[in-house]
Amino acid sequence: MEMILGIVLLLTAVVAANVVHLVYPKIPLSIYQIIAGILLASLPTEATNFTMHPELFMMVIIAPLMFNDGQNQSFRYLSSNIKSILSMTVGLALVTVLITGSFLHWLQPETFSLALAFMLAAIVTPTDAVAVKSITTNMKVPKNVNGALEYESLFNDASGIVLLDLALETYRSGQFSLGHGIWIFVYVFFGGIIFGAVLGSLLISLRTSLMRKHVDIGSIVIPINVMTPIVVYWLAEELHLSGILAVVAAGVVHSILYDRMRLTSTKVQMSTTTIWNIISDALNGLVFVLLGVMLPQVLGRTSWQNLGAIVALAFAIYIITTLLRFLWVRFKFVNIQSTNLNRDSLLMALGGIHGTITLALAFSLPVLINNHQFAFRNSMILIAAIVILISIAVGAIGYPIILPPKSKSYSKSEF
């Protein structure tokens, strides 16, 4: 009964945050959702004392979100910008982990071994395009910047997950093999893409054959579509591939057929779009509300003496990762087809907002390592949470200063 009450309270907090944002939209929706989560955690009930299960969180919440993002993308844009996408999602991710991890090890060598430092760096590497959208809803974002941020957030999640797994395995064993690490990265990264594309194609074939024989079977094909990310993610993880990349690839394959308008009738197409919009908004809201709920729990396990050092460390990590993003674009390690390189470099740097995957990776850290308590787990979760908050706050302040507001296509009298 407490679990049902907890879920109802979470959804209520999401709706309440949406209502407040509707009344006063100047503050990003994600901030309202985090505040709603903090208020929810203060209620005198055990129903809000949630235990985060990372595998379930990734499969039930993150996988559907990534799949929906994938099926809303353009395969033509993806194929024509593959070099830029790989530069941001693989090249920049690797450089960020190496430089940030090395800095942490140099700054506090007695606290952060290289493996532990790389673990924390991998956690804060993934970005969240949805959080950027919530901030820039009423602003004119250049199309090239918006597209680059969206595709980066689609694929750099997997880079962060794979790099975290490699660092965690090295921390457990105390040994690292460069050749083995490269092989694991290639197998998990590209294997996940291939597996997701193949399985997505098979599911599309199933839905297409059903549509040819029966015109209006929305009650069958829509549930298949909704269950696709969960099934694809689970099977990919069973094969030790990247479940996140698998669901993204399956989503992109779906987008190809949506572009051709051959998969469903108009009625089913509209119903599918509406259902996915509702699911996406609800799941995104749940993520940030959960962050707000978990913050008091994590803070309660942190001494006040260590809190100042943790906040300072989070600020340092954010500054380094943001600076790397700016330099990566400014010195043209990635081509985003910019007409104003300085401005777009700054927009890309501010667009490195962290959210869902960073939170999921932080809570996926094991409680026990080699049968011993993982002493750094709580501190790393708190650092990741503070980095998320800093990135959202800086974006919320910086974007309105740089970007002009959207102009309405009608005057007040015309309206």
Protein backbone atom coordinates (compact mmCIF):
# COMPACT_ATOMS: atom_id res chain seq x y z
CA MET A 1 0.00 0.00 0.00
CA GLU A 2 2.88 2.37 0.81
CA MET A 3 4.37 1.77 -2.64
CA ILE A 4 1.10 2.75 -4.33
CA LEU A 5 0.83 5.85 -2.14
CA GLY A 6 4.43 6.74 -2.97
CA ILE A 7 3.80 6.51 -6.72
CA VAL A 8 0.63 8.61 -6.39
CA LEU A 9 2.55 11.25 -4.42
CA LEU A 10 5.34 11.32 -7.04
CA LEU A 11 2.84 11.85 -9.86
CA THR A 12 1.03 14.49 -7.82
CA ALA A 13 4.32 16.35 -7.32
CA VAL A 14 4.99 16.23 -11.08
CA VAL A 15 1.54 17.66 -11.85
CA ALA A 16 1.87 20.33 -9.16
CA ALA A 17 5.25 21.43 -10.54
CA ASN A 18 3.75 21.63 -14.04
CA VAL A 19 0.89 23.81 -12.76
CA VAL A 20 3.27 26.21 -10.98
CA HIS A 21 5.47 26.41 -14.09
CA LEU A 22 2.38 27.24 -16.15
CA VAL A 23 1.63 30.17 -13.82
CA TYR A 24 5.24 31.42 -13.58
CA PRO A 25 7.29 30.02 -16.49
CA LYS A 26 10.41 32.16 -15.97
CA ILE A 27 12.00 29.50 -13.73
CA PRO A 28 12.86 26.19 -15.51
CA LEU A 29 10.39 23.36 -14.99
CA SER A 30 13.15 21.04 -13.73
CA ILE A 31 13.81 23.44 -10.80
CA TYR A 32 10.13 23.35 -9.82
CA GLN A 33 10.18 19.55 -10.00
CA ILE A 34 13.27 19.30 -7.79
CA ILE A 35 11.67 21.66 -5.24
CA ALA A 36 8.48 19.56 -5.36
CA GLY A 37 10.58 16.49 -4.60
CA ILE A 38 12.24 18.17 -1.61
CA LEU A 39 8.83 19.19 -0.25
CA LEU A 40 7.57 15.66 -0.85
CA ALA A 41 10.46 14.21 1.16
CA SER A 42 9.48 16.41 4.12
CA LEU A 43 6.03 14.81 4.43
CA PRO A 44 5.59 12.72 7.60
CA THR A 45 5.12 9.39 5.81
CA GLU A 46 7.29 6.38 5.05
CA ALA A 47 5.77 6.25 1.55
CA THR A 48 8.31 8.80 0.32
CA ASN A 49 11.31 6.89 1.69
CA PHE A 50 12.23 5.49 -1.72
CA THR A 51 15.04 3.04 -2.39
CA MET A 52 16.64 3.58 -5.78
CA HIS A 53 17.03 0.38 -7.83
CA PRO A 54 19.34 1.43 -10.69
CA GLU A 55 18.57 -1.46 -13.04
CA LEU A 56 14.81 -0.94 -12.70
CA PHE A 57 15.24 2.85 -12.97
CA MET A 58 17.22 2.52 -16.20
CA MET A 59 14.85 -0.01 -17.78
CA VAL A 60 11.48 1.51 -16.81
CA ILE A 61 12.25 5.24 -16.89
CA ILE A 62 15.44 5.99 -18.85
CA ALA A 63 14.98 3.42 -21.66
CA PRO A 64 11.51 4.71 -22.73
CA LEU A 65 12.78 8.31 -22.64
CA MET A 66 15.78 7.50 -24.85
CA PHE A 67 13.64 5.43 -27.23
CA ASN A 68 11.17 8.28 -27.64
CA ASP A 69 14.00 10.73 -28.29
CA GLY A 70 15.35 8.34 -30.93
CA GLN A 71 12.07 7.91 -32.77
CA ASN A 72 11.59 11.68 -32.87
CA GLN A 73 14.91 12.27 -34.64
CA SER A 74 15.72 12.55 -38.34
CA PHE A 75 17.80 9.70 -39.75
CA ARG A 76 18.84 11.97 -42.62
CA TYR A 77 20.34 14.51 -40.19
CA LEU A 78 21.96 11.71 -38.20
CA SER A 79 23.65 10.12 -41.23
CA SER A 80 24.85 13.43 -42.66
CA ASN A 81 26.37 14.57 -39.33
CA ILE A 82 27.83 11.27 -38.13
CA LYS A 83 31.38 12.67 -37.76
CA SER A 84 30.24 15.56 -35.58
CA ILE A 85 28.07 13.28 -33.47
CA LEU A 86 30.93 10.81 -32.86
CA SER A 87 33.24 13.73 -32.05
CA MET A 88 30.90 14.94 -29.28
CA THR A 89 29.68 11.57 -27.97
CA VAL A 90 32.92 9.57 -28.10
CA GLY A 91 35.83 11.99 -28.51
CA LEU A 92 34.67 14.69 -26.10
CA ALA A 93 33.37 12.10 -23.62
CA LEU A 94 36.75 10.32 -23.50
CA VAL A 95 38.70 13.58 -23.18
CA THR A 96 36.35 14.84 -20.45
CA VAL A 97 36.74 11.66 -18.39
CA LEU A 98 40.52 11.58 -18.80
CA ILE A 99 41.14 15.25 -18.00
CA THR A 100 38.55 15.58 -15.22
CA GLY A 101 39.61 12.29 -13.63
CA SER A 102 43.30 13.23 -13.80
CA PHE A 103 42.52 16.61 -12.21
CA LEU A 104 40.65 14.96 -9.32
CA HIS A 105 43.52 12.52 -8.76
CA TRP A 106 46.06 15.37 -8.81
CA LEU A 107 43.94 17.53 -6.49
CA GLN A 108 43.28 14.85 -3.85
CA PRO A 109 45.54 11.84 -4.52
CA GLU A 110 44.95 10.43 -1.04
CA THR A 111 41.17 10.40 -1.63
CA PHE A 112 40.81 9.78 -5.35
CA SER A 113 42.74 6.95 -6.92
CA LEU A 114 42.77 7.16 -10.72
CA ALA A 115 40.03 4.52 -11.00
CA LEU A 116 37.82 6.29 -8.45
CA ALA A 117 38.42 9.68 -10.11
CA PHE A 118 37.52 8.29 -13.53
CA MET A 119 34.34 6.79 -12.06
CA LEU A 120 33.17 10.20 -10.86
CA ALA A 121 34.18 11.84 -14.14
CA ALA A 122 32.21 9.24 -16.13
CA ILE A 123 29.11 9.89 -14.01
CA VAL A 124 29.06 13.62 -14.82
CA THR A 125 29.86 13.18 -18.53
CA PRO A 126 26.33 12.49 -19.95
CA THR A 127 24.17 15.50 -20.82
CA ASP A 128 20.40 15.98 -20.87
CA ALA A 129 18.80 17.74 -23.85
CA VAL A 130 15.39 17.67 -22.15
CA ALA A 131 16.70 19.88 -19.34
CA VAL A 132 18.05 22.30 -21.96
CA LYS A 133 14.64 22.38 -23.68
CA SER A 134 12.89 23.14 -20.39
CA ILE A 135 15.13 26.21 -19.98
CA THR A 136 15.04 27.45 -23.59
CA THR A 137 11.30 26.96 -24.26
CA ASN A 138 10.69 30.65 -24.95
CA MET A 139 14.07 31.44 -26.54
CA LYS A 140 15.43 31.35 -30.07
CA VAL A 141 18.09 28.64 -30.02
CA PRO A 142 20.15 28.38 -33.25
CA LYS A 143 19.16 25.23 -35.14
CA ASN A 144 22.73 23.99 -35.44
CA VAL A 145 23.28 24.26 -31.67
CA ASN A 146 19.92 22.70 -30.84
CA GLY A 147 20.57 19.76 -33.18
CA ALA A 148 24.10 19.18 -31.86
CA LEU A 149 22.89 19.16 -28.24
CA GLU A 150 20.05 16.74 -28.99
CA TYR A 151 22.20 14.19 -30.78
CA GLU A 152 24.98 14.49 -28.24
CA SER A 153 22.60 13.66 -25.39
CA LEU A 154 21.27 10.68 -27.35
CA PHE A 155 24.59 8.90 -27.64
CA ASN A 156 26.99 10.22 -24.97
CA ASP A 157 24.89 8.52 -22.28
CA ALA A 158 26.23 5.18 -23.45
CA SER A 159 29.81 6.52 -23.41
CA GLY A 160 29.38 7.54 -19.78
CA ILE A 161 27.88 4.15 -18.86
CA VAL A 162 30.63 2.14 -20.59
CA LEU A 163 33.43 4.29 -19.14
CA LEU A 164 31.91 4.01 -15.65
CA ASP A 165 31.78 0.22 -15.96
CA LEU A 166 35.44 0.12 -17.06
CA ALA A 167 36.53 2.36 -14.17
CA LEU A 168 34.45 0.35 -11.68
CA GLU A 169 35.97 -2.94 -12.86
CA THR A 170 39.47 -1.44 -12.58
CA TYR A 171 38.68 -0.21 -9.06
CA ARG A 172 37.50 -3.70 -8.08
CA SER A 173 40.45 -5.59 -9.54
CA GLY A 174 43.19 -2.98 -9.19
CA GLN A 175 44.32 -3.70 -12.76
CA PHE A 176 43.61 -2.11 -16.14
CA SER A 177 44.36 -3.44 -19.62
CA LEU A 178 44.22 -0.83 -22.41
CA GLY A 179 43.55 -3.43 -25.11
CA HIS A 180 40.79 -5.09 -23.09
CA GLY A 181 39.30 -1.69 -22.28
CA ILE A 182 39.17 -0.67 -25.96
CA TRP A 183 37.63 -4.01 -26.93
CA ILE A 184 34.94 -3.74 -24.24
CA PHE A 185 34.14 -0.17 -25.29
CA VAL A 186 33.81 -1.14 -28.99
CA TYR A 187 31.79 -4.28 -28.21
CA VAL A 188 29.37 -2.58 -25.82
CA PHE A 189 29.04 0.70 -27.78
CA PHE A 190 28.74 -0.46 -31.39
CA GLY A 191 27.26 -3.84 -30.45
CA GLY A 192 24.40 -2.04 -28.72
CA ILE A 193 23.73 0.08 -31.81
CA ILE A 194 23.70 -2.94 -34.16
CA PHE A 195 21.56 -5.07 -31.83
CA GLY A 196 19.01 -2.29 -31.30
CA ALA A 197 18.76 -1.56 -35.02
CA VAL A 198 18.22 -5.23 -35.88
CA LEU A 199 15.66 -5.87 -33.13
CA GLY A 200 13.90 -2.59 -33.91
CA SER A 201 13.63 -3.61 -37.57
CA LEU A 202 12.14 -6.98 -36.61
CA LEU A 203 9.53 -5.33 -34.40
CA ILE A 204 8.69 -2.88 -37.18
CA SER A 205 8.24 -5.79 -39.60
CA LEU A 206 5.83 -7.37 -37.11
CA ARG A 207 3.81 -4.17 -36.78
CA THR A 208 3.83 -3.56 -40.54
CA SER A 209 2.55 -7.06 -41.31
CA LEU A 210 -0.23 -6.62 -38.76
CA MET A 211 -1.19 -3.27 -40.31
CA ARG A 212 -1.36 -4.78 -43.81
CA LYS A 213 -3.80 -7.45 -42.72
CA HIS A 214 -5.85 -5.31 -40.33
CA VAL A 215 -6.20 -1.56 -40.80
CA ASP A 216 -7.25 -0.31 -37.35
CA ILE A 217 -5.46 -2.35 -34.68
CA GLY A 218 -4.16 0.48 -32.53
CA SER A 219 -4.94 -1.54 -29.39
CA ILE A 220 -2.25 -4.03 -30.52
CA VAL A 221 0.45 -2.02 -32.29
CA ILE A 222 0.53 0.87 -29.79
CA PRO A 223 1.21 -1.41 -26.76
CA ILE A 224 3.91 -3.15 -28.82
CA ASN A 225 5.48 0.24 -29.49
CA VAL A 226 5.31 1.26 -25.81
CA MET A 227 6.85 -2.04 -24.64
CA THR A 228 9.61 -1.98 -27.28
CA PRO A 229 12.21 0.02 -25.27
CA ILE A 230 11.82 -2.16 -22.18
CA VAL A 231 12.21 -5.40 -24.16
CA VAL A 232 15.13 -4.08 -26.25
CA TYR A 233 16.95 -2.71 -23.19
CA TRP A 234 16.51 -5.93 -21.20
CA LEU A 235 17.72 -8.20 -24.01
CA ALA A 236 20.71 -5.96 -24.80
CA GLU A 237 21.80 -5.91 -21.16
CA GLU A 238 21.49 -9.70 -21.00
CA LEU A 239 24.02 -9.84 -23.86
CA HIS A 240 26.25 -7.32 -21.99
CA LEU A 241 25.69 -4.67 -24.66
CA SER A 242 24.70 -1.05 -24.11
CA GLY A 243 20.96 -1.15 -23.44
CA ILE A 244 20.73 2.63 -23.77
CA LEU A 245 22.32 2.67 -27.24
CA ALA A 246 20.18 -0.31 -28.25
CA VAL A 247 16.92 1.53 -27.44
CA VAL A 248 18.20 4.71 -29.15
CA ALA A 249 19.05 2.72 -32.29
CA ALA A 250 15.66 1.00 -32.21
CA GLY A 251 14.01 4.41 -31.88
CA VAL A 252 15.97 5.85 -34.82
CA VAL A 253 14.95 2.87 -36.96
CA HIS A 254 11.33 3.59 -36.06
CA SER A 255 11.80 7.23 -37.08
CA ILE A 256 12.77 6.14 -40.61
CA LEU A 257 9.39 4.50 -41.14
CA TYR A 258 7.55 7.37 -39.49
CA ASP A 259 9.22 9.70 -42.01
CA ARG A 260 7.92 7.54 -44.85
CA MET A 261 4.42 7.40 -43.25
CA ARG A 262 4.09 3.71 -44.16
CA LEU A 263 3.90 2.16 -40.72
CA THR A 264 0.53 3.19 -39.33
CA SER A 265 -2.73 4.81 -40.24
CA THR A 266 -3.19 8.48 -39.38
CA LYS A 267 -5.38 7.55 -36.43
CA VAL A 268 -2.77 5.22 -34.94
CA GLN A 269 0.02 7.69 -35.71
CA MET A 270 -1.74 10.49 -33.82
CA SER A 271 -2.61 8.20 -30.91
CA THR A 272 0.99 6.96 -30.67
CA THR A 273 2.38 10.50 -30.68
CA THR A 274 -0.05 11.65 -27.98
CA ILE A 275 0.65 8.65 -25.74
CA TRP A 276 4.42 9.08 -26.05
CA ASN A 277 4.19 12.80 -25.26
CA ILE A 278 2.31 11.98 -22.05
CA ILE A 279 4.75 9.19 -21.11
CA SER A 280 7.80 11.34 -21.86
CA ASP A 281 6.57 14.34 -19.85
CA ALA A 282 5.60 12.15 -16.89
CA LEU A 283 8.88 10.19 -16.81
CA ASN A 284 11.03 13.32 -17.18
CA GLY A 285 9.13 14.91 -14.32
CA LEU A 286 9.56 11.80 -12.17
CA VAL A 287 13.34 11.89 -12.61
CA PHE A 288 13.73 15.41 -11.27
CA VAL A 289 11.15 14.89 -8.51
CA LEU A 290 13.10 11.79 -7.44
CA LEU A 291 16.28 13.87 -7.39
CA GLY A 292 14.55 16.29 -5.01
CA VAL A 293 13.30 13.43 -2.84
CA MET A 294 16.75 11.83 -2.63
CA LEU A 295 18.64 15.05 -1.83
CA PRO A 296 17.60 15.24 1.86
CA GLN A 297 18.47 11.54 2.28
CA VAL A 298 21.96 12.01 0.81
CA LEU A 299 22.55 15.24 2.75
CA GLY A 300 21.47 13.53 5.95
CA ARG A 301 24.29 11.01 5.53
CA THR A 302 26.90 13.76 4.96
CA SER A 303 28.68 15.60 7.77
CA TRP A 304 28.64 19.38 7.70
CA GLN A 305 32.44 19.39 7.83
CA ASN A 306 32.63 17.55 4.50
CA LEU A 307 29.76 19.41 2.82
CA GLY A 308 31.80 22.52 1.99
CA ALA A 309 34.56 20.46 0.38
CA ILE A 310 32.00 18.45 -1.62
CA VAL A 311 30.30 21.62 -2.94
CA ALA A 312 33.68 23.13 -3.90
CA LEU A 313 34.63 19.92 -5.68
CA ALA A 314 31.32 19.90 -7.58
CA PHE A 315 31.91 23.49 -8.71
CA ALA A 316 35.44 22.59 -9.87
CA ILE A 317 34.15 19.60 -11.85
CA TYR A 318 31.45 21.71 -13.49
CA ILE A 319 33.93 24.45 -14.46
CA ILE A 320 36.36 21.92 -16.00
CA THR A 321 33.71 20.05 -17.99
CA THR A 322 32.11 23.27 -19.21
CA LEU A 323 35.47 24.74 -20.25
CA LEU A 324 36.33 21.55 -22.14
CA ARG A 325 33.03 21.77 -24.03
CA PHE A 326 33.70 25.38 -24.96
CA LEU A 327 37.24 24.67 -26.20
CA TRP A 328 36.13 21.54 -28.08
CA VAL A 329 33.72 23.60 -30.20
CA ARG A 330 35.80 26.78 -30.34
CA PHE A 331 38.87 25.02 -31.73
CA LYS A 332 36.69 23.07 -34.21
CA PHE A 333 37.24 19.56 -32.93
CA VAL A 334 33.59 19.28 -33.91
CA ASN A 335 31.96 21.02 -36.85
CA ILE A 336 28.53 22.39 -35.89
CA GLN A 337 28.33 24.56 -39.04
CA SER A 338 28.46 27.75 -37.03
CA THR A 339 28.20 31.28 -38.39
CA ASN A 340 29.08 32.79 -34.99
CA LEU A 341 31.66 30.47 -33.45
CA ASN A 342 32.22 32.31 -30.17
CA ARG A 343 28.51 32.55 -29.39
CA ASP A 344 27.77 28.95 -30.43
CA SER A 345 30.76 27.66 -28.45
CA LEU A 346 29.37 29.35 -25.35
CA LEU A 347 25.87 28.02 -26.03
CA MET A 348 27.25 24.48 -26.43
CA ALA A 349 29.21 24.87 -23.20
CA LEU A 350 26.13 26.04 -21.26
CA GLY A 351 24.13 23.26 -22.94
CA GLY A 352 26.13 20.62 -21.11
CA ILE A 353 23.34 20.35 -18.54
CA HIS A 354 23.25 17.11 -16.60
CA GLY A 355 20.13 15.25 -15.55
CA THR A 356 18.57 11.83 -15.86
CA ILE A 357 21.53 9.62 -16.80
CA THR A 358 23.93 11.32 -14.38
CA LEU A 359 21.45 10.71 -11.57
CA ALA A 360 20.93 7.08 -12.64
CA LEU A 361 24.68 6.41 -12.88
CA ALA A 362 25.31 7.93 -9.45
CA PHE A 363 22.71 5.70 -7.81
CA SER A 364 23.97 2.66 -9.77
CA LEU A 365 27.21 2.68 -7.76
CA PRO A 366 27.38 -0.54 -5.70
CA VAL A 367 26.95 -0.46 -1.93
CA LEU A 368 29.58 -3.19 -1.49
CA ILE A 369 32.82 -3.64 -3.46
CA ASN A 370 34.81 -6.83 -2.83
CA ASN A 371 32.59 -7.51 0.21
CA HIS A 372 33.53 -4.16 1.77
CA GLN A 373 31.39 -1.05 2.21
CA PHE A 374 31.95 1.41 -0.64
CA ALA A 375 32.75 4.43 1.55
CA PHE A 376 32.74 6.98 -1.28
CA ARG A 377 29.29 6.11 -2.65
CA ASN A 378 27.28 8.71 -0.73
CA SER A 379 29.80 11.50 -1.43
CA MET A 380 29.86 10.70 -5.16
CA ILE A 381 26.05 10.72 -5.32
CA LEU A 382 25.97 14.10 -3.59
CA ILE A 383 28.68 15.54 -5.88
CA ALA A 384 26.73 14.36 -8.94
CA ALA A 385 23.50 15.88 -7.58
CA ILE A 386 25.19 19.24 -6.93
CA VAL A 387 26.75 19.24 -10.42
CA ILE A 388 23.24 18.67 -11.85
CA LEU A 389 21.86 21.60 -9.84
CA ILE A 390 24.75 23.89 -10.81
CA SER A 391 24.43 23.06 -14.52
CA ILE A 392 20.67 23.76 -14.48
CA ALA A 393 21.10 27.01 -12.53
CA VAL A 394 23.89 28.33 -14.77
CA GLY A 395 21.92 27.43 -17.90
CA ALA A 396 18.81 29.11 -16.52
CA ILE A 397 20.78 32.31 -15.89
CA GLY A 398 23.06 32.26 -18.94
CA TYR A 399 20.72 31.35 -21.78
CA PRO A 400 18.28 34.27 -21.30
CA ILE A 401 21.26 36.67 -21.34
CA ILE A 402 22.66 35.31 -24.62
CA LEU A 403 19.53 34.29 -26.53
CA PRO A 404 16.67 36.55 -27.68
CA PRO A 405 13.10 35.61 -26.75
CA LYS A 406 10.87 33.93 -29.31
CA SER A 407 8.73 36.41 -31.22
CA LYS A 408 5.06 35.66 -31.73
CA SER A 409 3.79 35.34 -35.27
CA TYR A 410 0.76 37.53 -34.46
CA SER A 411 0.15 40.83 -32.72
CA LYS A 412 -1.96 41.29 -29.59
CA SER A 413 -4.81 42.88 -31.58
CA GLU A 414 -4.74 40.00 -34.10
CA PHE A 415 -4.95 37.51 -31.27
